[in-house]
């Protein structure tokens, strides 16, 4: 196989990924797409992208037969549409979270993936952070013992300056993959059904935008073919908390709990009253040589981007995601977060919100 040509769509968060593709030895041309021509020109100059590889129209990217793969980093409402258009044009797709905003969208993407055999990967940062990989190593080695319970949370305030208008009043679990995906990946199981509950009252202005009245939602997840239950909590507005994108796992030998305050370290419980603070090591040893430097926060181009400020640099996850996406294509295999698993994780959030709106009704997930 020759080198892959990839296009990155969206230059706010997306610029960070352009650098990774430029350094990857299996990648040839890297194209960029941004609707704002001035922003596109600035990004192109900053990243050293030739003018011929700069696009303002997604349709022109899709129509280019020389582009093999598309990485979508655009507003949530566009993800499914762009994914479907790209796959119908024969492109491999990596998409930032969530996969889509409706279950029917997820079904269509999964059907397209089966039909075409193309690679689809949801680029979920939460399962590639150094903290998650540390906890997963405890599970995989047997040190943690049998998993008894898992919990995830994603709490933030999108009322802060810097977030686009479309986030205002967004239903919490429409963007719930950061809280749910670690639970599915660490257990190796897919969600069977969900029960959701809303908490608190959102101001009328925010609640009216999407018809979502809750500032906080909690979803209980029953995993298929497992005796383990999961719990995930998501908040977006009018609830005070330092940003927290966390994952806890409790086993028969050890338990791992995410840090309460940024920088203090996670807690590792060793039985009885024995516990200690741990700081997950860097994960560059898992990466090919050209991508190793990119686990560090100091390589971020736009350090003032609110996503990076609140998300603490996304735990060094970016190079891992790019490495997995490219490897899945070049090796002819499915990625860790393939279409089916990504749809299950995304649907657990969508239907968890629906359950909360129905007063805690149990809702079974469809097969994807």
Protein backbone atom coordinates (compact mmCIF):
# COMPACT_ATOMS: atom_id res chain seq x y z
CA UNK A 1 0.00 0.00 0.00
CA UNK A 2 1.25 3.49 -0.87
CA UNK A 3 1.06 6.43 1.45
CA UNK A 4 -2.38 7.62 2.56
CA UNK A 5 -3.66 11.10 1.83
CA UNK A 6 -5.81 12.48 4.62
CA UNK A 7 -7.99 15.58 5.03
CA UNK A 8 -8.67 17.18 8.41
CA UNK A 9 -12.01 19.00 8.58
CA UNK A 10 -12.23 21.88 11.07
CA UNK A 11 -9.27 24.00 12.10
CA UNK A 12 -10.07 24.98 15.69
CA UNK A 13 -9.40 21.70 17.50
CA UNK A 14 -8.26 20.14 14.21
CA UNK A 15 -4.92 21.89 13.84
CA UNK A 16 -3.48 19.72 16.59
CA UNK A 17 -4.14 16.61 14.50
CA UNK A 18 -2.69 18.01 11.31
CA UNK A 19 0.73 18.04 13.00
CA UNK A 20 0.36 14.36 13.88
CA UNK A 21 -0.56 13.29 10.37
CA UNK A 22 2.32 15.34 8.96
CA UNK A 23 4.74 13.38 11.13
CA UNK A 24 3.26 9.93 10.49
CA UNK A 25 5.43 7.91 8.06
CA UNK A 26 2.40 6.27 6.41
CA UNK A 27 0.80 9.59 5.47
CA UNK A 28 1.43 11.45 2.22
CA UNK A 29 -0.54 14.64 1.61
CA UNK A 30 -2.46 16.33 4.42
CA UNK A 31 -5.33 18.57 3.30
CA UNK A 32 -7.31 20.92 5.51
CA UNK A 33 -10.85 22.27 5.35
CA UNK A 34 -12.35 25.31 7.07
CA UNK A 35 -15.41 27.28 5.94
CA UNK A 36 -13.94 30.65 6.92
CA UNK A 37 -11.48 31.54 4.14
CA UNK A 38 -9.43 33.87 6.35
CA UNK A 39 -9.12 31.25 9.11
CA UNK A 40 -8.25 28.64 6.49
CA UNK A 41 -5.45 30.80 5.10
CA UNK A 42 -4.06 31.41 8.58
CA UNK A 43 -4.12 27.73 9.45
CA UNK A 44 -2.57 26.81 6.13
CA UNK A 45 0.33 29.20 6.64
CA UNK A 46 0.84 28.12 10.23
CA UNK A 47 0.88 24.44 9.35
CA UNK A 48 2.72 24.67 6.04
CA UNK A 49 -0.18 23.34 3.95
CA UNK A 50 0.05 24.16 0.21
CA UNK A 51 -2.83 26.24 -1.18
CA UNK A 52 -3.88 23.35 -3.43
CA UNK A 53 -4.64 21.31 -0.30
CA UNK A 54 -6.79 23.96 1.40
CA UNK A 55 -10.57 23.72 1.10
CA UNK A 56 -13.51 25.84 2.23
CA UNK A 57 -16.15 23.36 1.02
CA UNK A 58 -16.49 19.86 2.48
CA UNK A 59 -18.10 18.71 -0.76
CA UNK A 60 -14.89 19.49 -2.66
CA UNK A 61 -12.90 17.38 -0.20
CA UNK A 62 -15.24 14.42 -0.62
CA UNK A 63 -15.13 14.76 -4.41
CA UNK A 64 -11.33 14.56 -4.55
CA UNK A 65 -10.42 10.99 -5.57
CA UNK A 66 -6.88 11.40 -4.24
CA UNK A 67 -8.02 11.75 -0.63
CA UNK A 68 -8.15 8.37 1.09
CA UNK A 69 -9.28 9.30 4.61
CA UNK A 70 -11.16 12.12 6.30
CA UNK A 71 -10.86 13.21 9.93
CA UNK A 72 -13.96 15.16 11.00
CA UNK A 73 -13.54 17.72 13.79
CA UNK A 74 -16.63 19.90 13.39
CA UNK A 75 -19.76 20.76 15.46
CA UNK A 76 -21.72 17.70 16.75
CA UNK A 77 -24.74 18.16 14.48
CA UNK A 78 -22.52 17.70 11.40
CA UNK A 79 -20.73 14.49 12.42
CA UNK A 80 -23.16 11.91 11.08
CA UNK A 81 -23.91 13.79 7.86
CA UNK A 82 -20.24 14.33 7.05
CA UNK A 83 -19.41 10.72 7.95
CA UNK A 84 -22.13 9.33 5.70
CA UNK A 85 -21.16 11.57 2.78
CA UNK A 86 -17.50 10.65 3.15
CA UNK A 87 -18.09 6.91 3.36
CA UNK A 88 -20.43 6.97 0.37
CA UNK A 89 -17.54 8.55 -1.53
CA UNK A 90 -15.22 5.70 -0.49
CA UNK A 91 -13.29 7.48 2.25
CA UNK A 92 -12.14 6.04 5.56
CA UNK A 93 -13.49 8.17 8.40
CA UNK A 94 -12.29 9.27 11.80
CA UNK A 95 -14.82 11.40 13.65
CA UNK A 96 -14.57 13.36 16.84
CA UNK A 97 -17.26 12.55 19.41
CA UNK A 98 -20.16 11.97 19.39
CA UNK A 99 -20.73 9.66 16.42
CA UNK A 100 -24.13 11.28 15.85
CA UNK A 101 -27.12 12.76 17.62
CA UNK A 102 -29.81 10.22 16.69
CA UNK A 103 -29.95 6.42 16.81
CA UNK A 104 -31.02 6.20 13.15
CA UNK A 105 -27.86 8.08 12.16
CA UNK A 106 -25.75 5.55 14.03
CA UNK A 107 -27.53 2.66 12.32
CA UNK A 108 -26.90 4.17 8.87
CA UNK A 109 -23.20 4.62 9.55
CA UNK A 110 -22.86 1.03 10.80
CA UNK A 111 -24.68 -0.28 7.74
CA UNK A 112 -22.41 1.75 5.45
CA UNK A 113 -19.32 0.46 7.20
CA UNK A 114 -20.43 -3.16 6.75
CA UNK A 115 -21.34 -2.53 3.13
CA UNK A 116 -18.13 -0.76 2.15
CA UNK A 117 -15.57 -2.38 4.44
CA UNK A 118 -14.08 1.07 5.08
CA UNK A 119 -12.55 1.97 8.43
CA UNK A 120 -14.71 4.05 10.76
CA UNK A 121 -13.26 5.18 14.08
CA UNK A 122 -14.72 7.45 16.73
CA UNK A 123 -11.83 9.51 18.06
CA UNK A 124 -12.60 9.19 21.77
CA UNK A 125 -9.91 10.80 23.90
CA UNK A 126 -11.10 9.23 27.17
CA UNK A 127 -9.86 5.72 26.36
CA UNK A 128 -6.39 6.89 25.35
CA UNK A 129 -5.48 9.16 28.26
CA UNK A 130 -2.47 8.16 30.33
CA UNK A 131 -4.79 7.74 33.33
CA UNK A 132 -7.14 5.34 31.56
CA UNK A 133 -4.29 3.33 30.05
CA UNK A 134 -2.74 3.02 33.52
CA UNK A 135 -6.00 1.66 34.98
CA UNK A 136 -6.54 -0.65 32.02
CA UNK A 137 -3.05 -2.10 32.52
CA UNK A 138 -4.02 -2.96 36.12
CA UNK A 139 -7.05 -4.82 34.79
CA UNK A 140 -5.25 -6.56 31.94
CA UNK A 141 -2.42 -7.75 34.21
CA UNK A 142 -4.87 -9.20 36.74
CA UNK A 143 -3.58 -6.91 39.52
CA UNK A 144 -7.01 -5.34 40.02
CA UNK A 145 -8.76 -8.71 40.20
CA UNK A 146 -12.31 -9.14 39.01
CA UNK A 147 -14.08 -5.90 38.09
CA UNK A 148 -17.07 -5.32 40.37
CA UNK A 149 -18.20 -1.82 39.42
CA UNK A 150 -17.27 1.05 37.09
CA UNK A 151 -18.13 4.73 37.18
CA UNK A 152 -17.50 7.63 34.82
CA UNK A 153 -18.20 11.34 34.88
CA UNK A 154 -17.77 14.36 32.68
CA UNK A 155 -18.53 17.61 34.48
CA UNK A 156 -17.80 21.03 33.06
CA UNK A 157 -19.24 24.50 32.62
CA UNK A 158 -19.87 25.37 28.99
CA UNK A 159 -21.29 28.69 30.08
CA UNK A 160 -17.73 30.00 30.18
CA UNK A 161 -16.47 32.29 27.44
CA UNK A 162 -15.01 30.60 24.40
CA UNK A 163 -17.66 27.98 23.66
CA UNK A 164 -19.72 28.34 20.46
CA UNK A 165 -23.41 29.22 20.64
CA UNK A 166 -24.62 25.74 19.63
CA UNK A 167 -23.43 24.30 22.97
CA UNK A 168 -25.87 26.44 24.98
CA UNK A 169 -28.52 24.17 26.51
CA UNK A 170 -27.09 21.04 24.84
CA UNK A 171 -28.59 17.89 26.44
CA UNK A 172 -25.83 16.51 28.72
CA UNK A 173 -25.78 12.94 27.45
CA UNK A 174 -25.94 13.83 23.78
CA UNK A 175 -22.26 14.45 24.48
CA UNK A 176 -21.77 11.64 26.96
CA UNK A 177 -19.10 9.49 25.32
CA UNK A 178 -16.26 10.75 27.55
CA UNK A 179 -18.12 9.39 30.59
CA UNK A 180 -19.42 6.17 29.00
CA UNK A 181 -16.63 4.92 26.70
CA UNK A 182 -14.14 4.06 29.49
CA UNK A 183 -16.78 1.85 31.10
CA UNK A 184 -17.39 -0.10 27.90
CA UNK A 185 -13.71 -0.47 26.99
CA UNK A 186 -12.48 -1.46 30.47
CA UNK A 187 -15.19 -4.12 30.85
CA UNK A 188 -14.98 -5.26 27.24
CA UNK A 189 -18.77 -5.26 27.13
CA UNK A 190 -21.45 -3.32 25.31
CA UNK A 191 -24.39 -1.56 26.92
CA UNK A 192 -27.56 -3.66 26.98
CA UNK A 193 -29.96 -1.15 28.51
CA UNK A 194 -29.87 2.22 30.23
CA UNK A 195 -31.87 3.99 32.92
CA UNK A 196 -31.45 7.75 33.06
CA UNK A 197 -32.32 10.38 35.65
CA UNK A 198 -32.24 14.15 35.39
CA UNK A 199 -31.33 16.34 38.33
CA UNK A 200 -31.82 20.01 39.09
CA UNK A 201 -33.43 22.72 37.00
CA UNK A 202 -31.85 24.51 34.08
CA UNK A 203 -32.69 28.16 33.47
CA UNK A 204 -35.55 28.73 31.03
CA UNK A 205 -33.35 30.28 28.34
CA UNK A 206 -31.00 27.29 28.19
CA UNK A 207 -33.73 24.68 28.67
CA UNK A 208 -35.74 26.08 25.77
CA UNK A 209 -32.97 25.74 23.20
CA UNK A 210 -33.07 21.94 22.93
CA UNK A 211 -36.04 21.16 25.19
CA UNK A 212 -33.66 19.68 27.77
CA UNK A 213 -34.50 20.81 31.33
CA UNK A 214 -31.69 19.20 33.33
CA UNK A 215 -28.27 20.65 34.18
CA UNK A 216 -27.14 17.19 35.35
CA UNK A 217 -27.99 13.70 34.12
CA UNK A 218 -26.96 10.32 35.52
CA UNK A 219 -27.28 7.07 33.58
CA UNK A 220 -27.09 3.54 34.96
CA UNK A 221 -25.81 1.08 32.37
CA UNK A 222 -26.38 -2.68 32.30
CA UNK A 223 -23.65 -4.35 30.28
CA UNK A 224 -24.57 -7.35 28.15
CA UNK A 225 -23.30 -10.78 29.23
CA UNK A 226 -21.91 -9.32 32.45
CA UNK A 227 -22.74 -9.00 36.13
CA UNK A 228 -21.15 -5.53 36.19
CA UNK A 229 -23.20 -2.35 36.23
CA UNK A 230 -21.87 1.07 35.31
CA UNK A 231 -22.85 4.57 36.34
CA UNK A 232 -22.11 7.73 34.38
CA UNK A 233 -22.80 11.37 35.28
CA UNK A 234 -22.73 14.38 32.97
CA UNK A 235 -23.18 18.08 33.64
CA UNK A 236 -22.87 21.03 31.30
CA UNK A 237 -24.31 24.16 32.91
CA UNK A 238 -25.23 25.90 36.15
CA UNK A 239 -23.55 23.28 38.34
CA UNK A 240 -20.32 24.24 40.07
CA UNK A 241 -17.38 21.86 39.63
CA UNK A 242 -13.79 22.08 38.51
CA UNK A 243 -13.62 20.38 35.11
CA UNK A 244 -13.64 16.63 35.63
CA UNK A 245 -13.51 13.91 33.02
CA UNK A 246 -13.11 10.90 35.26
CA UNK A 247 -13.11 7.13 35.43
CA UNK A 248 -13.22 4.82 38.47
CA UNK A 249 -12.91 1.03 38.53
CA UNK A 250 -13.38 -1.19 41.57
CA UNK A 251 -12.01 -4.72 41.69
CA UNK A 252 -11.58 -7.58 44.14
CA UNK A 253 -7.86 -6.78 44.68
CA UNK A 254 -7.48 -3.07 43.91
CA UNK A 255 -9.60 -0.02 43.16
CA UNK A 256 -8.64 3.02 41.11
CA UNK A 257 -10.33 6.41 41.56
CA UNK A 258 -9.67 9.48 39.44
CA UNK A 259 -8.18 12.49 41.20
CA UNK A 260 -10.62 14.88 42.88
CA UNK A 261 -8.55 18.01 42.18
CA UNK A 262 -6.44 18.44 39.07
CA UNK A 263 -2.82 17.62 39.77
CA UNK A 264 -3.23 15.84 43.10
CA UNK A 265 -3.06 12.34 41.61
CA UNK A 266 -5.46 9.43 41.49
CA UNK A 267 -6.16 7.18 44.47
CA UNK A 268 -5.16 3.53 44.39
CA UNK A 269 -6.88 1.49 47.10
CA UNK A 270 -5.01 -1.67 48.07
CA UNK A 271 -7.34 -3.27 50.59
CA UNK A 272 -8.48 -2.41 54.10
CA UNK A 273 -7.47 1.15 54.87
CA UNK A 274 -4.39 1.02 52.65
CA UNK A 275 -4.41 3.64 49.89
CA UNK A 276 -1.93 5.88 48.11
CA UNK A 277 -1.77 8.59 45.49
CA UNK A 278 -0.54 7.62 42.03
CA UNK A 279 0.35 9.68 38.98
CA UNK A 280 -0.07 7.78 35.74
CA UNK A 281 3.17 7.64 33.73
CA UNK A 282 3.44 8.96 30.21
CA UNK A 283 2.50 6.57 27.43
CA UNK A 284 4.95 7.46 24.70
CA UNK A 285 6.42 3.95 24.75
CA UNK A 286 3.21 2.76 23.09
CA UNK A 287 3.74 5.05 20.11
CA UNK A 288 5.84 4.94 16.97
CA UNK A 289 8.93 7.14 17.23
CA UNK A 290 7.70 10.20 15.25
CA UNK A 291 4.56 10.53 17.41
CA UNK A 292 6.16 10.11 20.84
CA UNK A 293 6.66 13.84 21.57
CA UNK A 294 2.95 14.55 21.13
CA UNK A 295 1.79 13.08 24.45
CA UNK A 296 3.01 16.29 26.11
CA UNK A 297 0.80 19.34 26.64
CA UNK A 298 3.59 21.68 25.63
CA UNK A 299 3.25 20.70 21.94
CA UNK A 300 -0.31 22.08 21.73
CA UNK A 301 -0.42 24.93 19.21
CA UNK A 302 -3.34 26.83 20.73
CA UNK A 303 -2.82 26.53 24.47
CA UNK A 304 -5.66 28.99 25.13
CA UNK A 305 -8.26 26.82 23.38
CA UNK A 306 -10.97 26.28 26.01
CA UNK A 307 -11.22 22.57 25.13
CA UNK A 308 -7.56 22.04 26.03
CA UNK A 309 -7.62 24.31 29.07
CA UNK A 310 -10.59 22.52 30.60
CA UNK A 311 -9.58 19.08 29.36
CA UNK A 312 -5.99 19.30 30.67
CA UNK A 313 -4.61 18.58 27.21
CA UNK A 314 -6.78 15.48 26.82
CA UNK A 315 -4.35 13.27 28.71
CA UNK A 316 -1.85 12.78 25.90
CA UNK A 317 -4.47 10.91 23.87
CA UNK A 318 -4.15 12.56 20.45
CA UNK A 319 -1.17 10.63 19.01
CA UNK A 320 -2.65 7.33 20.18
CA UNK A 321 -5.86 7.99 18.27
CA UNK A 322 -4.06 8.94 15.07
CA UNK A 323 -1.77 5.92 15.35
CA UNK A 324 -4.75 3.58 15.77
CA UNK A 325 -6.73 5.09 12.89
CA UNK A 326 -3.84 4.91 10.44
CA UNK A 327 -2.87 1.40 11.60
CA UNK A 328 -6.42 0.13 11.15
CA UNK A 329 -6.35 1.32 7.52
CA UNK A 330 -2.86 0.12 6.64
CA UNK A 331 -3.25 -3.22 8.44
CA UNK A 332 -6.76 -3.88 7.09
CA UNK A 333 -8.39 -4.32 10.50
CA UNK A 334 -11.05 -2.70 12.65
CA UNK A 335 -9.93 -0.06 15.16
CA UNK A 336 -10.60 -0.32 18.89
CA UNK A 337 -13.55 2.07 18.63
CA UNK A 338 -15.08 0.71 15.45
CA UNK A 339 -18.52 1.62 14.12
CA UNK A 340 -20.43 -0.94 16.20
CA UNK A 341 -18.82 -0.11 19.54
CA UNK A 342 -18.90 3.63 18.83
CA UNK A 343 -22.61 3.41 18.03
CA UNK A 344 -23.30 1.47 21.22
CA UNK A 345 -21.44 4.01 23.36
CA UNK A 346 -23.08 7.00 21.65
CA UNK A 347 -26.54 5.41 21.80
CA UNK A 348 -26.15 4.73 25.53
CA UNK A 349 -25.92 8.50 25.97
CA UNK A 350 -28.70 9.41 23.53
CA UNK A 351 -31.08 6.85 25.05
CA UNK A 352 -29.91 7.66 28.58
CA UNK A 353 -31.09 11.24 27.99
CA UNK A 354 -34.33 9.93 26.52
CA UNK A 355 -34.82 7.74 29.58
CA UNK A 356 -34.32 10.74 31.85
CA UNK A 357 -36.93 12.66 29.86
CA UNK A 358 -39.31 9.71 30.35
CA UNK A 359 -38.85 9.69 34.10
CA UNK A 360 -36.30 6.88 34.34
CA UNK A 361 -37.80 4.37 31.91
CA UNK A 362 -35.57 1.39 31.12
CA UNK A 363 -34.55 1.53 27.45
CA UNK A 364 -32.81 -1.30 25.61
CA UNK A 365 -30.20 -0.45 23.01
CA UNK A 366 -30.63 -1.74 19.45
CA UNK A 367 -28.09 -4.05 17.85
CA UNK A 368 -25.62 -2.22 15.65
